[in-house]
Amino acid sequence: MKRISLIVLFFVGLLSNAKAQHDPTDQIFSASWEIIGDVDFKTVKETEMYAIFNNEIKKYNGKPFELEGYIVPIKDGMKQTKFMLSTLPINQCFYCGKNGVPIMVLVELVEPIKFTYETVKIRGTLKLSTANAMDIPPVSLINGKAI
């Protein structure tokens, strides 16, 4: 259930048009995040949502991709191998008491990295999923490494 909640928060962040009250100096802006931010979603029913990928992001599917962002842990612990990567720090996300949900990508690393409140740069293989986005995150970085 926790996993589904994180996935739903990811989509709410992508679909939300509301302007969040975030510290603008913390927000990560990059061409890579812009590509991911252009993913749209089609809701079929309450339990089914599917990503609609444009040609720009499709050309990176299965290829090396790099993102800088903030770690949003999925599990407890100081060492992380699987987490969400966000454009905003965890203390500025919706479910932590602030408004607005940042764009997030699921990251799976080859070797663990230590949790930090600072940004991290990750290079991995971009993976796009056309499965039900309520069950599987549509955008992932797999076989990643911190750089």
C-alpha atoms as a PDB file:
ATOM      1  CA  MET A   1       0.000   0.000   0.000  1.00  0.00           C
ATOM      2  CA  LYS A   2       2.893   2.343   0.825  1.00  0.00           C
ATOM      3  CA  ARG A   3       4.380   1.731  -2.637  1.00  0.00           C
ATOM      4  CA  ILE A   4       1.113   2.572  -4.355  1.00  0.00           C
ATOM      5  CA  SER A   5       0.819   5.767  -2.316  1.00  0.00           C
ATOM      6  CA  LEU A   6       4.276   6.888  -3.476  1.00  0.00           C
ATOM      7  CA  ILE A   7       3.394   6.086  -7.072  1.00  0.00           C
ATOM      8  CA  VAL A   8       0.144   8.036  -6.795  1.00  0.00           C
ATOM      9  CA  LEU A   9       2.048  11.000  -5.343  1.00  0.00           C
ATOM     10  CA  PHE A  10       4.401  10.846  -8.324  1.00  0.00           C
ATOM     11  CA  PHE A  11       1.468  11.194 -10.710  1.00  0.00           C
ATOM     12  CA  VAL A  12      -0.232  13.897  -8.733  1.00  0.00           C
ATOM     13  CA  GLY A  13       3.004  15.856  -9.028  1.00  0.00           C
ATOM     14  CA  LEU A  14       3.029  15.446 -12.773  1.00  0.00           C
ATOM     15  CA  LEU A  15      -0.641  16.244 -13.175  1.00  0.00           C
ATOM     16  CA  SER A  16      -0.876  19.114 -10.729  1.00  0.00           C
ATOM     17  CA  ASN A  17      -1.167  22.554 -12.284  1.00  0.00           C
ATOM     18  CA  ALA A  18      -1.140  24.361  -8.953  1.00  0.00           C
ATOM     19  CA  LYS A  19       1.751  26.660  -8.212  1.00  0.00           C
ATOM     20  CA  ALA A  20       3.531  25.366  -5.128  1.00  0.00           C
ATOM     21  CA  GLN A  21       5.025  27.586  -2.461  1.00  0.00           C
ATOM     22  CA  HIS A  22       8.570  26.253  -2.576  1.00  0.00           C
ATOM     23  CA  ASP A  23      11.910  27.858  -1.935  1.00  0.00           C
ATOM     24  CA  PRO A  24      12.909  28.571  -5.556  1.00  0.00           C
ATOM     25  CA  THR A  25      16.605  28.207  -4.767  1.00  0.00           C
ATOM     26  CA  ASP A  26      16.086  24.517  -3.926  1.00  0.00           C
ATOM     27  CA  GLN A  27      14.207  23.592  -7.117  1.00  0.00           C
ATOM     28  CA  ILE A  28      16.209  21.559  -9.657  1.00  0.00           C
ATOM     29  CA  PHE A  29      15.749  22.662 -13.256  1.00  0.00           C
ATOM     30  CA  SER A  30      17.391  20.811 -16.119  1.00  0.00           C
ATOM     31  CA  ALA A  31      16.714  19.637 -19.658  1.00  0.00           C
ATOM     32  CA  SER A  32      16.444  16.063 -18.345  1.00  0.00           C
ATOM     33  CA  TRP A  33      13.727  16.980 -15.826  1.00  0.00           C
ATOM     34  CA  GLU A  34      11.867  18.925 -18.528  1.00  0.00           C
ATOM     35  CA  ILE A  35      11.775  15.799 -20.688  1.00  0.00           C
ATOM     36  CA  ILE A  36      10.323  13.768 -17.811  1.00  0.00           C
ATOM     37  CA  GLY A  37       7.896  16.536 -16.860  1.00  0.00           C
ATOM     38  CA  ASP A  38       6.273  16.328 -20.296  1.00  0.00           C
ATOM     39  CA  VAL A  39       4.880  12.836 -19.618  1.00  0.00           C
ATOM     40  CA  ASP A  40       1.076  12.892 -19.681  1.00  0.00           C
ATOM     41  CA  PHE A  41      -1.388  10.431 -18.176  1.00  0.00           C
ATOM     42  CA  LYS A  42      -4.678   8.919 -19.205  1.00  0.00           C
ATOM     43  CA  THR A  43      -7.002   7.740 -16.448  1.00  0.00           C
ATOM     44  CA  VAL A  44      -9.076   4.767 -17.587  1.00  0.00           C
ATOM     45  CA  LYS A  45     -10.825   4.187 -14.271  1.00  0.00           C
ATOM     46  CA  GLU A  46     -10.143   4.893 -10.626  1.00  0.00           C
ATOM     47  CA  THR A  47      -7.606   2.052 -10.391  1.00  0.00           C
ATOM     48  CA  GLU A  48      -6.024   2.416 -13.830  1.00  0.00           C
ATOM     49  CA  MET A  49      -3.797   5.176 -15.154  1.00  0.00           C
ATOM     50  CA  TYR A  50      -1.402   4.944 -18.079  1.00  0.00           C
ATOM     51  CA  ALA A  51       1.516   7.144 -19.079  1.00  0.00           C
ATOM     52  CA  ILE A  52       1.519   8.759 -22.494  1.00  0.00           C
ATOM     53  CA  PHE A  53       5.085   9.221 -23.658  1.00  0.00           C
ATOM     54  CA  ASN A  54       5.970  11.773 -26.319  1.00  0.00           C
ATOM     55  CA  ASN A  55       8.665  11.173 -28.946  1.00  0.00           C
ATOM     56  CA  GLU A  56      11.241  13.223 -27.015  1.00  0.00           C
ATOM     57  CA  ILE A  57      11.302  10.889 -24.002  1.00  0.00           C
ATOM     58  CA  LYS A  58      10.862   7.735 -26.113  1.00  0.00           C
ATOM     59  CA  LYS A  59      14.211   8.319 -27.804  1.00  0.00           C
ATOM     60  CA  TYR A  60      15.939   7.950 -24.397  1.00  0.00           C
ATOM     61  CA  ASN A  61      14.164   4.709 -23.426  1.00  0.00           C
ATOM     62  CA  GLY A  62      16.739   1.983 -22.751  1.00  0.00           C
ATOM     63  CA  LYS A  63      19.617   4.440 -23.068  1.00  0.00           C
ATOM     64  CA  PRO A  64      21.909   6.177 -20.567  1.00  0.00           C
ATOM     65  CA  PHE A  65      20.225   9.089 -18.820  1.00  0.00           C
ATOM     66  CA  GLU A  66      21.414  11.437 -16.080  1.00  0.00           C
ATOM     67  CA  LEU A  67      19.427  13.259 -13.409  1.00  0.00           C
ATOM     68  CA  GLU A  68      20.318  15.448 -10.468  1.00  0.00           C
ATOM     69  CA  GLY A  69      17.816  15.557  -7.649  1.00  0.00           C
ATOM     70  CA  TYR A  70      16.936  14.903  -4.048  1.00  0.00           C
ATOM     71  CA  ILE A  71      16.551  11.457  -2.484  1.00  0.00           C
ATOM     72  CA  VAL A  72      13.054  10.610  -1.255  1.00  0.00           C
ATOM     73  CA  PRO A  73      13.490   7.303   0.605  1.00  0.00           C
ATOM     74  CA  ILE A  74      11.071   4.423   0.122  1.00  0.00           C
ATOM     75  CA  LYS A  75      12.544   2.442   3.031  1.00  0.00           C
ATOM     76  CA  ASP A  76      14.256   3.427   6.266  1.00  0.00           C
ATOM     77  CA  GLY A  77      18.011   3.431   6.445  1.00  0.00           C
ATOM     78  CA  MET A  78      21.046   5.571   5.808  1.00  0.00           C
ATOM     79  CA  LYS A  79      22.117   3.540   2.765  1.00  0.00           C
ATOM     80  CA  GLN A  80      19.761   3.609  -0.182  1.00  0.00           C
ATOM     81  CA  THR A  81      19.626   1.510  -3.361  1.00  0.00           C
ATOM     82  CA  LYS A  82      15.986   2.057  -4.332  1.00  0.00           C
ATOM     83  CA  PHE A  83      14.341   5.444  -3.839  1.00  0.00           C
ATOM     84  CA  MET A  84      12.471   8.210  -5.571  1.00  0.00           C
ATOM     85  CA  LEU A  85      14.476  11.083  -7.031  1.00  0.00           C
ATOM     86  CA  SER A  86      12.742  14.454  -6.828  1.00  0.00           C
ATOM     87  CA  THR A  87      13.187  17.990  -8.100  1.00  0.00           C
ATOM     88  CA  LEU A  88      12.589  19.292  -4.563  1.00  0.00           C
ATOM     89  CA  PRO A  89      13.958  18.293  -1.149  1.00  0.00           C
ATOM     90  CA  ILE A  90      11.824  16.004   0.977  1.00  0.00           C
ATOM     91  CA  ASN A  91      11.021  18.826   3.425  1.00  0.00           C
ATOM     92  CA  GLN A  92       9.225  20.710   0.643  1.00  0.00           C
ATOM     93  CA  CYS A  93       7.002  17.935  -0.664  1.00  0.00           C
ATOM     94  CA  PHE A  94       3.208  17.786  -0.359  1.00  0.00           C
ATOM     95  CA  TYR A  95       2.952  14.811   1.964  1.00  0.00           C
ATOM     96  CA  CYS A  96       5.501  16.390   4.326  1.00  0.00           C
ATOM     97  CA  GLY A  97       3.265  19.370   5.064  1.00  0.00           C
ATOM     98  CA  LYS A  98       3.943  21.789   2.198  1.00  0.00           C
ATOM     99  CA  ASN A  99       1.778  22.265  -0.872  1.00  0.00           C
ATOM    100  CA  GLY A 100       2.598  20.948  -4.328  1.00  0.00           C
ATOM    101  CA  VAL A 101       4.154  17.624  -5.316  1.00  0.00           C
ATOM    102  CA  PRO A 102       7.430  17.563  -7.237  1.00  0.00           C
ATOM    103  CA  ILE A 103       8.118  15.334 -10.220  1.00  0.00           C
ATOM    104  CA  MET A 104       9.676  12.044  -9.092  1.00  0.00           C
ATOM    105  CA  VAL A 105      11.459   9.136 -10.772  1.00  0.00           C
ATOM    106  CA  LEU A 106      12.097   5.685  -9.311  1.00  0.00           C
ATOM    107  CA  VAL A 107      15.841   4.984  -9.014  1.00  0.00           C
ATOM    108  CA  GLU A 108      17.445   1.559  -8.625  1.00  0.00           C
ATOM    109  CA  LEU A 109      21.190   1.694  -7.938  1.00  0.00           C
ATOM    110  CA  VAL A 110      23.818  -0.992  -8.436  1.00  0.00           C
ATOM    111  CA  GLU A 111      25.570   0.063  -5.204  1.00  0.00           C
ATOM    112  CA  PRO A 112      24.008   1.861  -2.227  1.00  0.00           C
ATOM    113  CA  ILE A 113      24.617   5.520  -1.500  1.00  0.00           C
ATOM    114  CA  LYS A 114      24.301   7.292   1.807  1.00  0.00           C
ATOM    115  CA  PHE A 115      21.121   9.313   2.321  1.00  0.00           C
ATOM    116  CA  THR A 116      21.676  13.053   2.137  1.00  0.00           C
ATOM    117  CA  TYR A 117      19.560  16.193   2.089  1.00  0.00           C
ATOM    118  CA  GLU A 118      21.831  17.554  -0.637  1.00  0.00           C
ATOM    119  CA  THR A 119      21.307  16.813  -4.321  1.00  0.00           C
ATOM    120  CA  VAL A 120      22.763  13.683  -5.889  1.00  0.00           C
ATOM    121  CA  LYS A 121      23.596  12.997  -9.534  1.00  0.00           C
ATOM    122  CA  ILE A 122      22.575   9.625 -10.874  1.00  0.00           C
ATOM    123  CA  ARG A 123      23.424   8.046 -14.201  1.00  0.00           C
ATOM    124  CA  GLY A 124      21.465   4.971 -15.234  1.00  0.00           C
ATOM    125  CA  THR A 125      19.355   3.477 -17.964  1.00  0.00           C
ATOM    126  CA  LEU A 126      16.024   5.211 -18.538  1.00  0.00           C
ATOM    127  CA  LYS A 127      13.155   2.746 -18.419  1.00  0.00           C
ATOM    128  CA  LEU A 128       9.640   3.642 -19.522  1.00  0.00           C
ATOM    129  CA  SER A 129       6.735   1.432 -18.507  1.00  0.00           C
ATOM    130  CA  THR A 130       3.391   1.286 -20.273  1.00  0.00           C
ATOM    131  CA  ALA A 131       1.888  -0.850 -17.477  1.00  0.00           C
ATOM    132  CA  ASN A 132      -0.770   0.493 -15.147  1.00  0.00           C
ATOM    133  CA  ALA A 133       0.946   3.457 -13.507  1.00  0.00           C
ATOM    134  CA  MET A 134      -0.979   2.793 -10.289  1.00  0.00           C
ATOM    135  CA  ASP A 135       1.133  -0.362  -9.885  1.00  0.00           C
ATOM    136  CA  ILE A 136       4.454   0.400 -11.587  1.00  0.00           C
ATOM    137  CA  PRO A 137       6.159   3.801 -11.884  1.00  0.00           C
ATOM    138  CA  PRO A 138       6.207   4.791 -15.551  1.00  0.00           C
ATOM    139  CA  VAL A 139       9.673   6.406 -15.439  1.00  0.00           C
ATOM    140  CA  SER A 140      12.672   4.743 -13.790  1.00  0.00           C
ATOM    141  CA  LEU A 141      16.437   4.924 -13.788  1.00  0.00           C
ATOM    142  CA  ILE A 142      17.739   1.379 -13.477  1.00  0.00           C
ATOM    143  CA  ASN A 143      21.267   0.023 -13.009  1.00  0.00           C
ATOM    144  CA  GLY A 144      22.130   3.474 -11.730  1.00  0.00           C
ATOM    145  CA  LYS A 145      25.315   4.818 -10.234  1.00  0.00           C
ATOM    146  CA  ALA A 146      25.956   7.968  -8.265  1.00  0.00           C
ATOM    147  CA  ILE A 147      28.346  10.266 -10.124  1.00  0.00           C
END
